[in-house]
């Protein structure tokens, strides 16, 4: 019985959104479930998918909280132009 845990940052991908939409979550759940069936033959009714949304400041990349990391990447990108 597959168990898949998807972790995403809590931020919207559309203007004004502050989290992943229910439609996006449903698409992730269906997509992962279908993929496990297609690749491993796992039955749809045996697959569990959990989506955790993590506050942006609780997610880190490169030793920095994501907001600081993105700021650094943006600054580095501007310097290379």
PDB file of N, CA and C in Angstrom:
ATOM      1  N   UNK A   1       0.846  -1.174   0.000  1.00  0.00           N
ATOM      2  CA  UNK A   1       0.000   0.000   0.000  1.00  0.00           C
ATOM      3  C   UNK A   1       0.891   1.236   0.000  1.00  0.00           C
ATOM      4  N   UNK A   2       1.010   1.944  -1.115  1.00  0.00           N
ATOM      5  CA  UNK A   2       1.853   3.131  -1.165  1.00  0.00           C
ATOM      6  C   UNK A   2       1.295   4.274  -0.314  1.00  0.00           C
ATOM      7  N   UNK A   3       2.205   4.967   0.322  1.00  0.00           N
ATOM      8  CA  UNK A   3       1.891   6.184   1.067  1.00  0.00           C
ATOM      9  C   UNK A   3       2.821   7.260   0.529  1.00  0.00           C
ATOM     10  N   UNK A   4       2.256   8.324  -0.003  1.00  0.00           N
ATOM     11  CA  UNK A   4       3.051   9.403  -0.588  1.00  0.00           C
ATOM     12  C   UNK A   4       2.767  10.672   0.207  1.00  0.00           C
ATOM     13  N   UNK A   5       3.834  11.328   0.661  1.00  0.00           N
ATOM     14  CA  UNK A   5       3.701  12.591   1.391  1.00  0.00           C
ATOM     15  C   UNK A   5       4.322  13.691   0.536  1.00  0.00           C
ATOM     16  N   UNK A   6       3.498  14.628   0.098  1.00  0.00           N
ATOM     17  CA  UNK A   6       3.950  15.762  -0.702  1.00  0.00           C
ATOM     18  C   UNK A   6       4.007  16.972   0.216  1.00  0.00           C
ATOM     19  N   UNK A   7       5.145  17.628   0.255  1.00  0.00           N
ATOM     20  CA  UNK A   7       5.299  18.841   1.055  1.00  0.00           C
ATOM     21  C   UNK A   7       5.531  20.008   0.106  1.00  0.00           C
ATOM     22  N   UNK A   8       4.726  21.040   0.284  1.00  0.00           N
ATOM     23  CA  UNK A   8       4.854  22.247  -0.521  1.00  0.00           C
ATOM     24  C   UNK A   8       4.847  23.446   0.410  1.00  0.00           C
ATOM     25  N   UNK A   9       5.445  24.531  -0.048  1.00  0.00           N
ATOM     26  CA  UNK A   9       5.390  25.748   0.750  1.00  0.00           C
ATOM     27  C   UNK A   9       4.004  26.360   0.630  1.00  0.00           C
ATOM     28  N   UNK A  10       3.574  27.000   1.713  1.00  0.00           N
ATOM     29  CA  UNK A  10       2.256  27.633   1.726  1.00  0.00           C
ATOM     30  C   UNK A  10       2.380  29.016   1.099  1.00  0.00           C
ATOM     31  N   UNK A  11       2.183  29.039  -0.189  1.00  0.00           N
ATOM     32  CA  UNK A  11       2.183  30.285  -0.940  1.00  0.00           C
ATOM     33  C   UNK A  11       1.375  30.032  -2.194  1.00  0.00           C
ATOM     34  N   UNK A  12       0.708  31.012  -2.641  1.00  0.00           N
ATOM     35  CA  UNK A  12      -0.114  30.828  -3.823  1.00  0.00           C
ATOM     36  C   UNK A  12       0.681  30.912  -5.100  1.00  0.00           C
ATOM     37  N   UNK A  13       0.211  30.216  -6.096  1.00  0.00           N
ATOM     38  CA  UNK A  13       0.855  30.285  -7.397  1.00  0.00           C
ATOM     39  C   UNK A  13       0.123  31.251  -8.316  1.00  0.00           C
ATOM     40  N   UNK A  14      -1.041  31.707  -7.877  1.00  0.00           N
ATOM     41  CA  UNK A  14      -1.807  32.684  -8.648  1.00  0.00           C
ATOM     42  C   UNK A  14      -1.821  34.000  -7.879  1.00  0.00           C
ATOM     43  N   UNK A  15      -1.961  35.112  -8.571  1.00  0.00           N
ATOM     44  CA  UNK A  15      -1.996  36.404  -7.877  1.00  0.00           C
ATOM     45  C   UNK A  15      -3.076  36.432  -6.800  1.00  0.00           C
ATOM     46  N   UNK A  16      -2.703  36.842  -5.614  1.00  0.00           N
ATOM     47  CA  UNK A  16      -3.632  36.940  -4.496  1.00  0.00           C
ATOM     48  C   UNK A  16      -3.859  35.657  -3.726  1.00  0.00           C
ATOM     49  N   UNK A  17      -3.370  34.527  -4.212  1.00  0.00           N
ATOM     50  CA  UNK A  17      -3.565  33.244  -3.521  1.00  0.00           C
ATOM     51  C   UNK A  17      -2.517  33.096  -2.425  1.00  0.00           C
ATOM     52  N   UNK A  18      -2.916  32.491  -1.318  1.00  0.00           N
ATOM     53  CA  UNK A  18      -1.979  32.303  -0.211  1.00  0.00           C
ATOM     54  C   UNK A  18      -1.726  30.832   0.087  1.00  0.00           C
ATOM     55  N   UNK A  19      -2.245  29.950  -0.740  1.00  0.00           N
ATOM     56  CA  UNK A  19      -2.004  28.522  -0.550  1.00  0.00           C
ATOM     57  C   UNK A  19      -2.324  27.791  -1.849  1.00  0.00           C
ATOM     58  N   UNK A  20      -2.031  26.522  -1.860  1.00  0.00           N
ATOM     59  CA  UNK A  20      -2.367  25.680  -2.991  1.00  0.00           C
ATOM     60  C   UNK A  20      -3.882  25.534  -3.043  1.00  0.00           C
ATOM     61  N   UNK A  21      -4.447  25.623  -4.218  1.00  0.00           N
ATOM     62  CA  UNK A  21      -5.906  25.547  -4.331  1.00  0.00           C
ATOM     63  C   UNK A  21      -6.386  24.100  -4.178  1.00  0.00           C
ATOM     64  N   UNK A  22      -7.655  23.927  -3.825  1.00  0.00           N
ATOM     65  CA  UNK A  22      -8.197  22.567  -3.769  1.00  0.00           C
ATOM     66  C   UNK A  22      -8.088  21.843  -5.109  1.00  0.00           C
ATOM     67  N   UNK A  23      -8.230  22.573  -6.202  1.00  0.00           N
ATOM     68  CA  UNK A  23      -8.114  21.960  -7.530  1.00  0.00           C
ATOM     69  C   UNK A  23      -6.682  21.487  -7.797  1.00  0.00           C
ATOM     70  N   UNK A  24      -5.699  22.272  -7.378  1.00  0.00           N
ATOM     71  CA  UNK A  24      -4.299  21.862  -7.539  1.00  0.00           C
ATOM     72  C   UNK A  24      -4.006  20.628  -6.689  1.00  0.00           C
ATOM     73  N   UNK A  25      -4.522  20.612  -5.469  1.00  0.00           N
ATOM     74  CA  UNK A  25      -4.305  19.445  -4.603  1.00  0.00           C
ATOM     75  C   UNK A  25      -4.938  18.199  -5.202  1.00  0.00           C
ATOM     76  N   UNK A  26      -6.155  18.334  -5.722  1.00  0.00           N
ATOM     77  CA  UNK A  26      -6.829  17.188  -6.340  1.00  0.00           C
ATOM     78  C   UNK A  26      -6.022  16.676  -7.532  1.00  0.00           C
ATOM     79  N   UNK A  27      -5.454  17.596  -8.324  1.00  0.00           N
ATOM     80  CA  UNK A  27      -4.643  17.185  -9.472  1.00  0.00           C
ATOM     81  C   UNK A  27      -3.381  16.463  -9.031  1.00  0.00           C
ATOM     82  N   UNK A  28      -2.744  16.937  -7.956  1.00  0.00           N
ATOM     83  CA  UNK A  28      -1.560  16.251  -7.428  1.00  0.00           C
ATOM     84  C   UNK A  28      -1.914  14.843  -6.958  1.00  0.00           C
ATOM     85  N   UNK A  29      -2.995  14.728  -6.210  1.00  0.00           N
ATOM     86  CA  UNK A  29      -3.408  13.419  -5.688  1.00  0.00           C
ATOM     87  C   UNK A  29      -3.693  12.451  -6.838  1.00  0.00           C
ATOM     88  N   UNK A  30      -4.450  12.909  -7.821  1.00  0.00           N
ATOM     89  CA  UNK A  30      -4.760  12.044  -8.970  1.00  0.00           C
ATOM     90  C   UNK A  30      -3.499  11.696  -9.752  1.00  0.00           C
ATOM     91  N   UNK A  31      -2.652  12.693  -9.995  1.00  0.00           N
ATOM     92  CA  UNK A  31      -1.448  12.451 -10.778  1.00  0.00           C
ATOM     93  C   UNK A  31      -0.507  11.447 -10.133  1.00  0.00           C
ATOM     94  N   UNK A  32      -0.290  11.580  -8.832  1.00  0.00           N
ATOM     95  CA  UNK A  32       0.593  10.657  -8.121  1.00  0.00           C
ATOM     96  C   UNK A  32      -0.011   9.251  -8.090  1.00  0.00           C
ATOM     97  N   UNK A  33      -1.305   9.186  -7.834  1.00  0.00           N
ATOM     98  CA  UNK A  33      -1.991   7.891  -7.793  1.00  0.00           C
ATOM     99  C   UNK A  33      -1.915   7.203  -9.153  1.00  0.00           C
ATOM    100  N   UNK A  34      -2.191   7.948 -10.219  1.00  0.00           N
ATOM    101  CA  UNK A  34      -2.108   7.383 -11.568  1.00  0.00           C
ATOM    102  C   UNK A  34      -0.688   6.928 -11.897  1.00  0.00           C
ATOM    103  N   UNK A  35       0.309   7.724 -11.506  1.00  0.00           N
ATOM    104  CA  UNK A  35       1.702   7.374 -11.787  1.00  0.00           C
ATOM    105  C   UNK A  35       2.103   6.073 -11.091  1.00  0.00           C
ATOM    106  N   UNK A  36       1.702   5.908  -9.841  1.00  0.00           N
ATOM    107  CA  UNK A  36       2.033   4.670  -9.124  1.00  0.00           C
ATOM    108  C   UNK A  36       1.366   3.459  -9.782  1.00  0.00           C
ATOM    109  N   UNK A  37       0.174   3.664 -10.315  1.00  0.00           N
ATOM    110  CA  UNK A  37      -0.488   2.570 -11.029  1.00  0.00           C
ATOM    111  C   UNK A  37       0.250   2.262 -12.337  1.00  0.00           C
ATOM    112  N   UNK A  38       0.583   3.307 -13.092  1.00  0.00           N
ATOM    113  CA  UNK A  38       1.226   3.117 -14.397  1.00  0.00           C
ATOM    114  C   UNK A  38       2.623   2.515 -14.275  1.00  0.00           C
ATOM    115  N   UNK A  39       3.393   2.949 -13.286  1.00  0.00           N
ATOM    116  CA  UNK A  39       4.782   2.507 -13.169  1.00  0.00           C
ATOM    117  C   UNK A  39       4.909   1.206 -12.379  1.00  0.00           C
ATOM    118  N   UNK A  40       4.175   1.111 -11.280  1.00  0.00           N
ATOM    119  CA  UNK A  40       4.346  -0.042 -10.389  1.00  0.00           C
ATOM    120  C   UNK A  40       3.141  -0.973 -10.329  1.00  0.00           C
ATOM    121  N   UNK A  41       2.056  -0.605 -11.002  1.00  0.00           N
ATOM    122  CA  UNK A  41       0.862  -1.447 -10.970  1.00  0.00           C
ATOM    123  C   UNK A  41       0.119  -1.399  -9.643  1.00  0.00           C
ATOM    124  N   UNK A  42       0.352  -0.371  -8.859  1.00  0.00           N
ATOM    125  CA  UNK A  42      -0.310  -0.248  -7.557  1.00  0.00           C
ATOM    126  C   UNK A  42      -1.763   0.181  -7.757  1.00  0.00           C
ATOM    127  N   UNK A  43      -2.709  -0.524  -7.166  1.00  0.00           N
ATOM    128  CA  UNK A  43      -4.118  -0.177  -7.347  1.00  0.00           C
ATOM    129  C   UNK A  43      -4.425   1.210  -6.780  1.00  0.00           C
ATOM    130  N   UNK A  44      -5.298   1.912  -7.469  1.00  0.00           N
ATOM    131  CA  UNK A  44      -5.679   3.254  -7.032  1.00  0.00           C
ATOM    132  C   UNK A  44      -6.209   3.251  -5.604  1.00  0.00           C
ATOM    133  N   UNK A  45      -7.038   2.262  -5.274  1.00  0.00           N
ATOM    134  CA  UNK A  45      -7.658   2.257  -3.945  1.00  0.00           C
ATOM    135  C   UNK A  45      -6.696   1.861  -2.832  1.00  0.00           C
ATOM    136  N   UNK A  46      -5.455   1.526  -3.179  1.00  0.00           N
ATOM    137  CA  UNK A  46      -4.466   1.177  -2.164  1.00  0.00           C
ATOM    138  C   UNK A  46      -3.477   2.313  -1.917  1.00  0.00           C
ATOM    139  N   UNK A  47      -3.594   3.393  -2.675  1.00  0.00           N
ATOM    140  CA  UNK A  47      -2.636   4.490  -2.584  1.00  0.00           C
ATOM    141  C   UNK A  47      -3.183   5.620  -1.725  1.00  0.00           C
ATOM    142  N   UNK A  48      -2.368   6.043  -0.779  1.00  0.00           N
ATOM    143  CA  UNK A  48      -2.708   7.179   0.080  1.00  0.00           C
ATOM    144  C   UNK A  48      -1.758   8.322  -0.241  1.00  0.00           C
ATOM    145  N   UNK A  49      -2.315   9.522  -0.433  1.00  0.00           N
ATOM    146  CA  UNK A  49      -1.521  10.713  -0.707  1.00  0.00           C
ATOM    147  C   UNK A  49      -1.880  11.769   0.330  1.00  0.00           C
ATOM    148  N   UNK A  50      -0.859  12.321   0.974  1.00  0.00           N
ATOM    149  CA  UNK A  50      -1.047  13.388   1.959  1.00  0.00           C
ATOM    150  C   UNK A  50      -0.268  14.600   1.484  1.00  0.00           C
ATOM    151  N   UNK A  51      -0.906  15.762   1.511  1.00  0.00           N
ATOM    152  CA  UNK A  51      -0.248  17.006   1.124  1.00  0.00           C
ATOM    153  C   UNK A  51      -0.112  17.880   2.360  1.00  0.00           C
ATOM    154  N   UNK A  52       1.117  18.222   2.686  1.00  0.00           N
ATOM    155  CA  UNK A  52       1.400  19.127   3.807  1.00  0.00           C
ATOM    156  C   UNK A  52       1.848  20.460   3.238  1.00  0.00           C
ATOM    157  N   UNK A  53       1.221  21.532   3.715  1.00  0.00           N
ATOM    158  CA  UNK A  53       1.661  22.869   3.336  1.00  0.00           C
ATOM    159  C   UNK A  53       2.482  23.439   4.490  1.00  0.00           C
ATOM    160  N   UNK A  54       3.675  23.892   4.176  1.00  0.00           N
ATOM    161  CA  UNK A  54       4.615  24.397   5.173  1.00  0.00           C
ATOM    162  C   UNK A  54       4.759  25.900   4.990  1.00  0.00           C
ATOM    163  N   UNK A  55       4.715  26.634   6.087  1.00  0.00           N
ATOM    164  CA  UNK A  55       4.911  28.080   6.000  1.00  0.00           C
ATOM    165  C   UNK A  55       6.256  28.355   5.338  1.00  0.00           C
ATOM    166  N   UNK A  56       6.297  29.347   4.489  1.00  0.00           N
ATOM    167  CA  UNK A  56       7.483  29.649   3.701  1.00  0.00           C
ATOM    168  C   UNK A  56       8.724  29.844   4.569  1.00  0.00           C
ATOM    169  N   UNK A  57       8.579  30.505   5.708  1.00  0.00           N
ATOM    170  CA  UNK A  57       9.742  30.748   6.568  1.00  0.00           C
ATOM    171  C   UNK A  57      10.199  29.494   7.319  1.00  0.00           C
ATOM    172  N   UNK A  58       9.437  28.402   7.219  1.00  0.00           N
ATOM    173  CA  UNK A  58       9.824  27.137   7.840  1.00  0.00           C
ATOM    174  C   UNK A  58      10.470  26.178   6.836  1.00  0.00           C
ATOM    175  N   UNK A  59      10.788  26.671   5.656  1.00  0.00           N
ATOM    176  CA  UNK A  59      11.378  25.864   4.591  1.00  0.00           C
ATOM    177  C   UNK A  59      12.712  26.504   4.244  1.00  0.00           C
ATOM    178  N   UNK A  60      13.749  25.715   4.149  1.00  0.00           N
ATOM    179  CA  UNK A  60      15.062  26.267   3.867  1.00  0.00           C
ATOM    180  C   UNK A  60      15.728  25.634   2.662  1.00  0.00           C
ATOM    181  N   UNK A  61      16.550  26.429   2.001  1.00  0.00           N
ATOM    182  CA  UNK A  61      17.338  25.969   0.858  1.00  0.00           C
ATOM    183  C   UNK A  61      18.722  26.603   0.984  1.00  0.00           C
ATOM    184  N   UNK A  62      19.738  25.817   0.775  1.00  0.00           N
ATOM    185  CA  UNK A  62      21.091  26.370   0.794  1.00  0.00           C
ATOM    186  C   UNK A  62      21.481  27.006   2.114  1.00  0.00           C
ATOM    187  N   UNK A  63      20.926  26.499   3.205  1.00  0.00           N
ATOM    188  CA  UNK A  63      21.272  27.026   4.528  1.00  0.00           C
ATOM    189  C   UNK A  63      20.514  28.283   4.919  1.00  0.00           C
ATOM    190  N   UNK A  64      19.518  28.671   4.123  1.00  0.00           N
ATOM    191  CA  UNK A  64      18.761  29.885   4.398  1.00  0.00           C
ATOM    192  C   UNK A  64      17.259  29.612   4.347  1.00  0.00           C
ATOM    193  N   UNK A  65      16.470  30.359   5.135  1.00  0.00           N
ATOM    194  CA  UNK A  65      15.017  30.283   4.937  1.00  0.00           C
ATOM    195  C   UNK A  65      14.694  30.723   3.500  1.00  0.00           C
ATOM    196  N   UNK A  66      13.676  30.146   2.910  1.00  0.00           N
ATOM    197  CA  UNK A  66      13.365  30.399   1.503  1.00  0.00           C
ATOM    198  C   UNK A  66      13.266  31.883   1.157  1.00  0.00           C
ATOM    199  N   UNK A  67      12.607  32.731   1.964  1.00  0.00           N
ATOM    200  CA  UNK A  67      12.563  34.147   1.566  1.00  0.00           C
ATOM    201  C   UNK A  67      13.965  34.758   1.409  1.00  0.00           C
ATOM    202  N   UNK A  68      14.876  34.428   2.311  1.00  0.00           N
ATOM    203  CA  UNK A  68      16.248  34.947   2.212  1.00  0.00           C
ATOM    204  C   UNK A  68      16.975  34.325   1.021  1.00  0.00           C
ATOM    205  N   UNK A  69      16.762  33.037   0.795  1.00  0.00           N
ATOM    206  CA  UNK A  69      17.396  32.358  -0.329  1.00  0.00           C
ATOM    207  C   UNK A  69      16.957  32.983  -1.653  1.00  0.00           C
ATOM    208  N   UNK A  70      15.655  33.207  -1.791  1.00  0.00           N
ATOM    209  CA  UNK A  70      15.143  33.806  -3.033  1.00  0.00           C
ATOM    210  C   UNK A  70      15.693  35.211  -3.233  1.00  0.00           C
ATOM    211  N   UNK A  71      15.804  35.951  -2.147  1.00  0.00           N
ATOM    212  CA  UNK A  71      16.357  37.309  -2.237  1.00  0.00           C
ATOM    213  C   UNK A  71      17.799  37.246  -2.735  1.00  0.00           C
ATOM    214  N   UNK A  72      18.560  36.320  -2.177  1.00  0.00           N
ATOM    215  CA  UNK A  72      19.962  36.172  -2.589  1.00  0.00           C
ATOM    216  C   UNK A  72      20.062  35.772  -4.060  1.00  0.00           C
ATOM    217  N   UNK A  73      19.243  34.827  -4.472  1.00  0.00           N
ATOM    218  CA  UNK A  73      19.255  34.386  -5.862  1.00  0.00           C
ATOM    219  C   UNK A  73      18.884  35.547  -6.790  1.00  0.00           C
ATOM    220  N   UNK A  74      17.892  36.314  -6.405  1.00  0.00           N
ATOM    221  CA  UNK A  74      17.479  37.467  -7.229  1.00  0.00           C
ATOM    222  C   UNK A  74      18.616  38.495  -7.322  1.00  0.00           C
ATOM    223  N   UNK A  75      19.276  38.745  -6.192  1.00  0.00           N
ATOM    224  CA  UNK A  75      20.389  39.704  -6.191  1.00  0.00           C
ATOM    225  C   UNK A  75      21.538  39.189  -7.043  1.00  0.00           C
ATOM    226  N   UNK A  76      21.860  37.893  -6.921  1.00  0.00           N
ATOM    227  CA  UNK A  76      22.939  37.299  -7.719  1.00  0.00           C
ATOM    228  C   UNK A  76      22.600  37.348  -9.195  1.00  0.00           C
ATOM    229  N   UNK A  77      21.325  37.116  -9.534  1.00  0.00           N
ATOM    230  CA  UNK A  77      20.895  37.167 -10.935  1.00  0.00           C
ATOM    231  C   UNK A  77      20.999  38.560 -11.505  1.00  0.00           C
ATOM    232  N   UNK A  78      20.680  39.547 -10.694  1.00  0.00           N
ATOM    233  CA  UNK A  78      20.767  40.938 -11.161  1.00  0.00           C
ATOM    234  C   UNK A  78      22.216  41.359 -11.353  1.00  0.00           C
ATOM    235  N   UNK A  79      23.119  40.816 -10.556  1.00  0.00           N
ATOM    236  CA  UNK A  79      24.531  41.183 -10.650  1.00  0.00           C
ATOM    237  C   UNK A  79      25.179  40.586 -11.889  1.00  0.00           C
ATOM    238  N   UNK A  80      24.657  39.446 -12.365  1.00  0.00           N
ATOM    239  CA  UNK A  80      25.285  38.787 -13.514  1.00  0.00           C
ATOM    240  C   UNK A  80      24.814  39.369 -14.839  1.00  0.00           C
ATOM    241  N   UNK A  81      23.875  40.286 -14.806  1.00  0.00           N
ATOM    242  CA  UNK A  81      23.359  40.883 -16.054  1.00  0.00           C
ATOM    243  C   UNK A  81      24.200  42.050 -16.493  1.00  0.00           C
TER     244      UNK A  81
END
